[in-house]
Amino acid sequence: LQCSSTCAGGFQRRGGGCQDENGYTANNCDEKSKPMEQRSCESGPCPQWAYGNWGECTKPCGAGTRTRLVVCQR
């Protein structure tokens, strides 16, 4: 079963139902013994944005800009 996410917070789900010995749908299964249909899974932490401090303004007055380094980290 494939995980719904490649990082944290995913889940795996499998289908199923109550069947008789011939594989036909039945409705007399014991609900207490029903296997789990879903379980959590994760392949490590999700990537996130890392960023530095804002740099100096490009102009001493008026409409200048400030920049900072922004990178996506695993």
PDB file of N, CA and C in Angstrom:
ATOM      1  N   LEU A   1       0.833  -1.192   0.000  1.00  0.00           N
ATOM      2  CA  LEU A   1       0.000   0.000   0.000  1.00  0.00           C
ATOM      3  C   LEU A   1       0.871   1.246   0.000  1.00  0.00           C
ATOM      4  N   GLN A   2       0.510   2.194  -0.836  1.00  0.00           N
ATOM      5  CA  GLN A   2       1.290   3.424  -0.934  1.00  0.00           C
ATOM      6  C   GLN A   2       0.828   4.430   0.106  1.00  0.00           C
ATOM      7  N   CYS A   3       1.785   5.183   0.645  1.00  0.00           N
ATOM      8  CA  CYS A   3       1.476   6.215   1.621  1.00  0.00           C
ATOM      9  C   CYS A   3       0.879   7.414   0.888  1.00  0.00           C
ATOM     10  N   SER A   4      -0.076   8.106   1.526  1.00  0.00           N
ATOM     11  CA  SER A   4      -0.723   9.250   0.897  1.00  0.00           C
ATOM     12  C   SER A   4       0.179  10.479   0.867  1.00  0.00           C
ATOM     13  N   SER A   5       1.313  10.433   1.563  1.00  0.00           N
ATOM     14  CA  SER A   5       2.234  11.562   1.606  1.00  0.00           C
ATOM     15  C   SER A   5       3.666  11.048   1.531  1.00  0.00           C
ATOM     16  N   THR A   6       4.552  11.838   0.924  1.00  0.00           N
ATOM     17  CA  THR A   6       5.958  11.444   0.859  1.00  0.00           C
ATOM     18  C   THR A   6       6.715  11.928   2.089  1.00  0.00           C
ATOM     19  N   CYS A   7       6.027  12.627   2.983  1.00  0.00           N
ATOM     20  CA  CYS A   7       6.655  13.077   4.223  1.00  0.00           C
ATOM     21  C   CYS A   7       5.632  12.945   5.353  1.00  0.00           C
ATOM     22  N   ALA A   8       5.844  13.630   6.430  1.00  0.00           N
ATOM     23  CA  ALA A   8       5.031  13.459   7.641  1.00  0.00           C
ATOM     24  C   ALA A   8       3.526  13.621   7.397  1.00  0.00           C
ATOM     25  N   GLY A   9       2.754  12.893   8.177  1.00  0.00           N
ATOM     26  CA  GLY A   9       1.306  13.085   8.179  1.00  0.00           C
ATOM     27  C   GLY A   9       0.516  12.275   7.170  1.00  0.00           C
ATOM     28  N   GLY A  10       1.100  11.271   6.555  1.00  0.00           N
ATOM     29  CA  GLY A  10       0.373  10.475   5.571  1.00  0.00           C
ATOM     30  C   GLY A  10      -0.364   9.310   6.195  1.00  0.00           C
ATOM     31  N   PHE A  11      -1.129   8.609   5.384  1.00  0.00           N
ATOM     32  CA  PHE A  11      -1.811   7.411   5.847  1.00  0.00           C
ATOM     33  C   PHE A  11      -1.904   6.396   4.719  1.00  0.00           C
ATOM     34  N   GLN A  12      -2.046   5.143   5.103  1.00  0.00           N
ATOM     35  CA  GLN A  12      -2.267   4.053   4.157  1.00  0.00           C
ATOM     36  C   GLN A  12      -3.645   3.474   4.442  1.00  0.00           C
ATOM     37  N   ARG A  13      -4.373   3.152   3.388  1.00  0.00           N
ATOM     38  CA  ARG A  13      -5.715   2.606   3.561  1.00  0.00           C
ATOM     39  C   ARG A  13      -5.865   1.383   2.684  1.00  0.00           C
ATOM     40  N   ARG A  14      -6.523   0.374   3.211  1.00  0.00           N
ATOM     41  CA  ARG A  14      -6.814  -0.810   2.398  1.00  0.00           C
ATOM     42  C   ARG A  14      -8.307  -1.081   2.461  1.00  0.00           C
ATOM     43  N   GLY A  15      -8.823  -1.551   1.362  1.00  0.00           N
ATOM     44  CA  GLY A  15     -10.243  -1.861   1.298  1.00  0.00           C
ATOM     45  C   GLY A  15     -10.503  -3.258   1.834  1.00  0.00           C
ATOM     46  N   GLY A  16     -11.721  -3.559   2.030  1.00  0.00           N
ATOM     47  CA  GLY A  16     -12.076  -4.892   2.514  1.00  0.00           C
ATOM     48  C   GLY A  16     -13.541  -4.933   2.850  1.00  0.00           C
ATOM     49  N   GLY A  17     -14.012  -6.119   3.065  1.00  0.00           N
ATOM     50  CA  GLY A  17     -15.408  -6.284   3.426  1.00  0.00           C
ATOM     51  C   GLY A  17     -15.617  -7.682   3.954  1.00  0.00           C
ATOM     52  N   CYS A  18     -16.777  -7.887   4.495  1.00  0.00           N
ATOM     53  CA  CYS A  18     -17.129  -9.204   5.042  1.00  0.00           C
ATOM     54  C   CYS A  18     -17.505 -10.137   3.889  1.00  0.00           C
ATOM     55  N   GLN A  19     -16.822 -11.294   3.818  1.00  0.00           N
ATOM     56  CA  GLN A  19     -17.100 -12.258   2.752  1.00  0.00           C
ATOM     57  C   GLN A  19     -17.228 -13.662   3.329  1.00  0.00           C
ATOM     58  N   ASP A  20     -18.013 -14.483   2.626  1.00  0.00           N
ATOM     59  CA  ASP A  20     -18.115 -15.886   3.039  1.00  0.00           C
ATOM     60  C   ASP A  20     -16.970 -16.681   2.417  1.00  0.00           C
ATOM     61  N   GLU A  21     -16.932 -17.983   2.655  1.00  0.00           N
ATOM     62  CA  GLU A  21     -15.818 -18.803   2.166  1.00  0.00           C
ATOM     63  C   GLU A  21     -15.724 -18.865   0.649  1.00  0.00           C
ATOM     64  N   ASN A  22     -16.790 -18.481  -0.062  1.00  0.00           N
ATOM     65  CA  ASN A  22     -16.772 -18.473  -1.525  1.00  0.00           C
ATOM     66  C   ASN A  22     -16.412 -17.096  -2.099  1.00  0.00           C
ATOM     67  N   GLY A  23     -16.135 -16.116  -1.217  1.00  0.00           N
ATOM     68  CA  GLY A  23     -15.768 -14.789  -1.682  1.00  0.00           C
ATOM     69  C   GLY A  23     -16.945 -13.870  -1.947  1.00  0.00           C
ATOM     70  N   TYR A  24     -18.148 -14.311  -1.567  1.00  0.00           N
ATOM     71  CA  TYR A  24     -19.328 -13.473  -1.757  1.00  0.00           C
ATOM     72  C   TYR A  24     -19.543 -12.577  -0.541  1.00  0.00           C
ATOM     73  N   THR A  25     -20.125 -11.406  -0.771  1.00  0.00           N
ATOM     74  CA  THR A  25     -20.383 -10.459   0.317  1.00  0.00           C
ATOM     75  C   THR A  25     -21.325 -11.074   1.338  1.00  0.00           C
ATOM     76  N   ALA A  26     -20.950 -10.918   2.594  1.00  0.00           N
ATOM     77  CA  ALA A  26     -21.760 -11.416   3.695  1.00  0.00           C
ATOM     78  C   ALA A  26     -21.914 -10.297   4.718  1.00  0.00           C
ATOM     79  N   ASN A  27     -22.800 -10.476   5.690  1.00  0.00           N
ATOM     80  CA  ASN A  27     -22.996  -9.424   6.687  1.00  0.00           C
ATOM     81  C   ASN A  27     -23.004  -9.964   8.112  1.00  0.00           C
ATOM     82  N   ASN A  28     -22.449 -11.145   8.319  1.00  0.00           N
ATOM     83  CA  ASN A  28     -22.470 -11.724   9.662  1.00  0.00           C
ATOM     84  C   ASN A  28     -21.072 -11.775  10.297  1.00  0.00           C
ATOM     85  N   CYS A  29     -20.143 -10.926   9.832  1.00  0.00           N
ATOM     86  CA  CYS A  29     -18.810 -10.882  10.431  1.00  0.00           C
ATOM     87  C   CYS A  29     -18.879 -10.220  11.811  1.00  0.00           C
ATOM     88  N   ASP A  30     -17.975 -10.621  12.669  1.00  0.00           N
ATOM     89  CA  ASP A  30     -17.873 -10.021  13.997  1.00  0.00           C
ATOM     90  C   ASP A  30     -17.137  -8.688  13.886  1.00  0.00           C
ATOM     91  N   GLU A  31     -17.818  -7.590  14.163  1.00  0.00           N
ATOM     92  CA  GLU A  31     -17.222  -6.253  14.035  1.00  0.00           C
ATOM     93  C   GLU A  31     -16.014  -6.066  14.943  1.00  0.00           C
ATOM     94  N   LYS A  32     -15.988  -6.749  16.091  1.00  0.00           N
ATOM     95  CA  LYS A  32     -14.882  -6.579  17.040  1.00  0.00           C
ATOM     96  C   LYS A  32     -13.567  -7.132  16.482  1.00  0.00           C
ATOM     97  N   SER A  33     -13.642  -8.098  15.581  1.00  0.00           N
ATOM     98  CA  SER A  33     -12.429  -8.703  15.035  1.00  0.00           C
ATOM     99  C   SER A  33     -12.032  -8.116  13.674  1.00  0.00           C
ATOM    100  N   LYS A  34     -12.703  -7.021  13.281  1.00  0.00           N
ATOM    101  CA  LYS A  34     -12.409  -6.404  11.981  1.00  0.00           C
ATOM    102  C   LYS A  34     -10.991  -5.820  11.987  1.00  0.00           C
ATOM    103  N   PRO A  35     -10.149  -6.156  10.980  1.00  0.00           N
ATOM    104  CA  PRO A  35      -8.791  -5.613  10.910  1.00  0.00           C
ATOM    105  C   PRO A  35      -8.817  -4.107  10.621  1.00  0.00           C
ATOM    106  N   MET A  36      -7.730  -3.428  10.978  1.00  0.00           N
ATOM    107  CA  MET A  36      -7.627  -1.989  10.713  1.00  0.00           C
ATOM    108  C   MET A  36      -7.671  -1.726   9.216  1.00  0.00           C
ATOM    109  N   GLU A  37      -8.408  -0.686   8.818  1.00  0.00           N
ATOM    110  CA  GLU A  37      -8.470  -0.305   7.409  1.00  0.00           C
ATOM    111  C   GLU A  37      -7.490   0.808   7.084  1.00  0.00           C
ATOM    112  N   GLN A  38      -7.042   1.555   8.086  1.00  0.00           N
ATOM    113  CA  GLN A  38      -6.158   2.697   7.848  1.00  0.00           C
ATOM    114  C   GLN A  38      -5.093   2.753   8.931  1.00  0.00           C
ATOM    115  N   ARG A  39      -3.886   3.153   8.537  1.00  0.00           N
ATOM    116  CA  ARG A  39      -2.822   3.355   9.510  1.00  0.00           C
ATOM    117  C   ARG A  39      -1.966   4.531   9.063  1.00  0.00           C
ATOM    118  N   SER A  40      -1.335   5.179  10.019  1.00  0.00           N
ATOM    119  CA  SER A  40      -0.506   6.332   9.674  1.00  0.00           C
ATOM    120  C   SER A  40       0.832   5.855   9.137  1.00  0.00           C
ATOM    121  N   CYS A  41       1.445   6.684   8.320  1.00  0.00           N
ATOM    122  CA  CYS A  41       2.748   6.378   7.745  1.00  0.00           C
ATOM    123  C   CYS A  41       3.434   7.695   7.441  1.00  0.00           C
ATOM    124  N   GLU A  42       4.727   7.712   7.497  1.00  0.00           N
ATOM    125  CA  GLU A  42       5.460   8.899   7.093  1.00  0.00           C
ATOM    126  C   GLU A  42       6.869   8.515   6.678  1.00  0.00           C
ATOM    127  N   SER A  43       7.421   9.309   5.791  1.00  0.00           N
ATOM    128  CA  SER A  43       8.757   9.050   5.276  1.00  0.00           C
ATOM    129  C   SER A  43       9.737  10.099   5.764  1.00  0.00           C
ATOM    130  N   GLY A  44       9.524  10.607   6.953  1.00  0.00           N
ATOM    131  CA  GLY A  44      10.399  11.644   7.491  1.00  0.00           C
ATOM    132  C   GLY A  44       9.723  12.997   7.469  1.00  0.00           C
ATOM    133  N   PRO A  45      10.429  14.019   7.945  1.00  0.00           N
ATOM    134  CA  PRO A  45       9.827  15.351   8.014  1.00  0.00           C
ATOM    135  C   PRO A  45       9.608  15.958   6.631  1.00  0.00           C
ATOM    136  N   CYS A  46       8.591  16.798   6.527  1.00  0.00           N
ATOM    137  CA  CYS A  46       8.319  17.491   5.266  1.00  0.00           C
ATOM    138  C   CYS A  46       9.343  18.600   5.056  1.00  0.00           C
ATOM    139  N   PRO A  47       9.662  18.925   3.792  1.00  0.00           N
ATOM    140  CA  PRO A  47      10.544  20.064   3.526  1.00  0.00           C
ATOM    141  C   PRO A  47       9.906  21.340   4.075  1.00  0.00           C
ATOM    142  N   GLN A  48      10.729  22.293   4.426  1.00  0.00           N
ATOM    143  CA  GLN A  48      10.196  23.561   4.917  1.00  0.00           C
ATOM    144  C   GLN A  48      11.089  24.711   4.470  1.00  0.00           C
ATOM    145  N   TRP A  49      10.514  25.907   4.515  1.00  0.00           N
ATOM    146  CA  TRP A  49      11.261  27.089   4.109  1.00  0.00           C
ATOM    147  C   TRP A  49      12.180  27.526   5.233  1.00  0.00           C
ATOM    148  N   ALA A  50      13.439  27.806   4.886  1.00  0.00           N
ATOM    149  CA  ALA A  50      14.402  28.393   5.819  1.00  0.00           C
ATOM    150  C   ALA A  50      14.785  29.751   5.243  1.00  0.00           C
ATOM    151  N   TYR A  51      14.884  30.750   6.103  1.00  0.00           N
ATOM    152  CA  TYR A  51      15.153  32.088   5.592  1.00  0.00           C
ATOM    153  C   TYR A  51      16.048  32.862   6.549  1.00  0.00           C
ATOM    154  N   GLY A  52      16.791  33.795   5.971  1.00  0.00           N
ATOM    155  CA  GLY A  52      17.709  34.618   6.746  1.00  0.00           C
ATOM    156  C   GLY A  52      17.085  35.948   7.125  1.00  0.00           C
ATOM    157  N   ASN A  53      17.896  36.814   7.697  1.00  0.00           N
ATOM    158  CA  ASN A  53      17.432  38.146   8.084  1.00  0.00           C
ATOM    159  C   ASN A  53      17.352  39.049   6.866  1.00  0.00           C
ATOM    160  N   TRP A  54      16.518  40.074   6.969  1.00  0.00           N
ATOM    161  CA  TRP A  54      16.412  41.060   5.894  1.00  0.00           C
ATOM    162  C   TRP A  54      17.709  41.836   5.782  1.00  0.00           C
ATOM    163  N   GLY A  55      18.142  42.075   4.558  1.00  0.00           N
ATOM    164  CA  GLY A  55      19.348  42.858   4.309  1.00  0.00           C
ATOM    165  C   GLY A  55      19.074  44.353   4.393  1.00  0.00           C
ATOM    166  N   GLU A  56      20.093  45.128   4.103  1.00  0.00           N
ATOM    167  CA  GLU A  56      19.961  46.589   4.118  1.00  0.00           C
ATOM    168  C   GLU A  56      19.072  47.060   2.972  1.00  0.00           C
ATOM    169  N   CYS A  57      18.435  48.196   3.163  1.00  0.00           N
ATOM    170  CA  CYS A  57      17.607  48.794   2.108  1.00  0.00           C
ATOM    171  C   CYS A  57      18.524  49.299   0.992  1.00  0.00           C
ATOM    172  N   THR A  58      18.047  49.178  -0.251  1.00  0.00           N
ATOM    173  CA  THR A  58      18.864  49.590  -1.398  1.00  0.00           C
ATOM    174  C   THR A  58      18.927  51.106  -1.560  1.00  0.00           C
ATOM    175  N   LYS A  59      18.047  51.847  -0.871  1.00  0.00           N
ATOM    176  CA  LYS A  59      18.045  53.313  -0.967  1.00  0.00           C
ATOM    177  C   LYS A  59      17.919  53.909   0.429  1.00  0.00           C
ATOM    178  N   PRO A  60      18.545  55.045   0.652  1.00  0.00           N
ATOM    179  CA  PRO A  60      18.426  55.685   1.963  1.00  0.00           C
ATOM    180  C   PRO A  60      17.070  56.354   2.177  1.00  0.00           C
ATOM    181  N   CYS A  61      16.330  56.588   1.108  1.00  0.00           N
ATOM    182  CA  CYS A  61      14.980  57.155   1.238  1.00  0.00           C
ATOM    183  C   CYS A  61      14.182  56.743   0.000  1.00  0.00           C
ATOM    184  N   GLY A  62      12.891  56.985   0.013  1.00  0.00           N
ATOM    185  CA  GLY A  62      12.056  56.620  -1.133  1.00  0.00           C
ATOM    186  C   GLY A  62      11.777  55.131  -1.163  1.00  0.00           C
ATOM    187  N   ALA A  63      11.511  54.642  -2.369  1.00  0.00           N
ATOM    188  CA  ALA A  63      11.082  53.254  -2.536  1.00  0.00           C
ATOM    189  C   ALA A  63      12.263  52.325  -2.803  1.00  0.00           C
ATOM    190  N   GLY A  64      12.922  51.896  -1.761  1.00  0.00           N
ATOM    191  CA  GLY A  64      14.000  50.919  -1.900  1.00  0.00           C
ATOM    192  C   GLY A  64      13.482  49.511  -1.667  1.00  0.00           C
ATOM    193  N   THR A  65      14.357  48.539  -1.752  1.00  0.00           N
ATOM    194  CA  THR A  65      13.967  47.147  -1.488  1.00  0.00           C
ATOM    195  C   THR A  65      14.952  46.513  -0.514  1.00  0.00           C
ATOM    196  N   ARG A  66      14.444  45.548   0.213  1.00  0.00           N
ATOM    197  CA  ARG A  66      15.281  44.743   1.095  1.00  0.00           C
ATOM    198  C   ARG A  66      15.118  43.294   0.665  1.00  0.00           C
ATOM    199  N   THR A  67      16.161  42.535   0.712  1.00  0.00           N
ATOM    200  CA  THR A  67      16.084  41.133   0.300  1.00  0.00           C
ATOM    201  C   THR A  67      16.632  40.243   1.413  1.00  0.00           C
ATOM    202  N   ARG A  68      16.274  38.968   1.316  1.00  0.00           N
ATOM    203  CA  ARG A  68      16.812  37.977   2.247  1.00  0.00           C
ATOM    204  C   ARG A  68      16.896  36.639   1.522  1.00  0.00           C
ATOM    205  N   LEU A  69      17.739  35.755   1.981  1.00  0.00           N
ATOM    206  CA  LEU A  69      17.908  34.438   1.397  1.00  0.00           C
ATOM    207  C   LEU A  69      16.784  33.529   1.879  1.00  0.00           C
ATOM    208  N   VAL A  70      16.121  32.858   0.942  1.00  0.00           N
ATOM    209  CA  VAL A  70      15.054  31.909   1.269  1.00  0.00           C
ATOM    210  C   VAL A  70      15.343  30.613   0.513  1.00  0.00           C
ATOM    211  N   VAL A  71      15.447  29.490   1.236  1.00  0.00           N
ATOM    212  CA  VAL A  71      15.710  28.198   0.603  1.00  0.00           C
ATOM    213  C   VAL A  71      14.762  27.140   1.155  1.00  0.00           C
ATOM    214  N   CYS A  72      14.442  26.190   0.316  1.00  0.00           N
ATOM    215  CA  CYS A  72      13.623  25.048   0.733  1.00  0.00           C
ATOM    216  C   CYS A  72      14.563  23.955   1.237  1.00  0.00           C
ATOM    217  N   GLN A  73      14.385  23.550   2.487  1.00  0.00           N
ATOM    218  CA  GLN A  73      15.245  22.531   3.064  1.00  0.00           C
ATOM    219  C   GLN A  73      14.470  21.269   3.362  1.00  0.00           C
ATOM    220  N   ARG A  74      15.124  20.141   3.147  1.00  0.00           N
ATOM    221  CA  ARG A  74      14.520  18.863   3.501  1.00  0.00           C
ATOM    222  C   ARG A  74      14.729  18.611   4.963  1.00  0.00           C
TER     223      ARG A  74
END
